[in-house]
Amino acid sequence: MAMANNTRYHRHNKGLIWFFAGHLVVGLIAGEGLLAGLLLTNLGDLRTLIWGSSDKGIALTLLIIFFAITFGSLAMGSGVMGLRNRKEENKQEKTPQSQDIK
């Protein structure tokens, strides 16, 4: 009995890891795409400021890392917030809605 529960636990965790990994990739792509857009359009003279600096590598590295952290965590958080509790869904299916009552 304990073996079956342990297998279900590992299968559930594997699904959660893929769920988070997928959302993380989407967030990373979105964040780095936004950063590339900011640099390409030179919004607020950001590109000029970075290219004029003597520490271009440090500035770009920090921007890339912090955009990745911000948008990766944003995407994972929105994925978690988008999950529904299965118990709540079952209660909603069993509970008649006001338009169903006549």
Foldseek 3Di string as FASTA:
>chain_A
DVVVVVVVVVVVVVVVVVLLVVLLVVLLVVLVVVVVVCLVVCVVVPVVVLVPDPPNVVVVVVSSVVSSVVSSVVSSVVSVVPDDDVVVVVVVVPDDDPVRPD
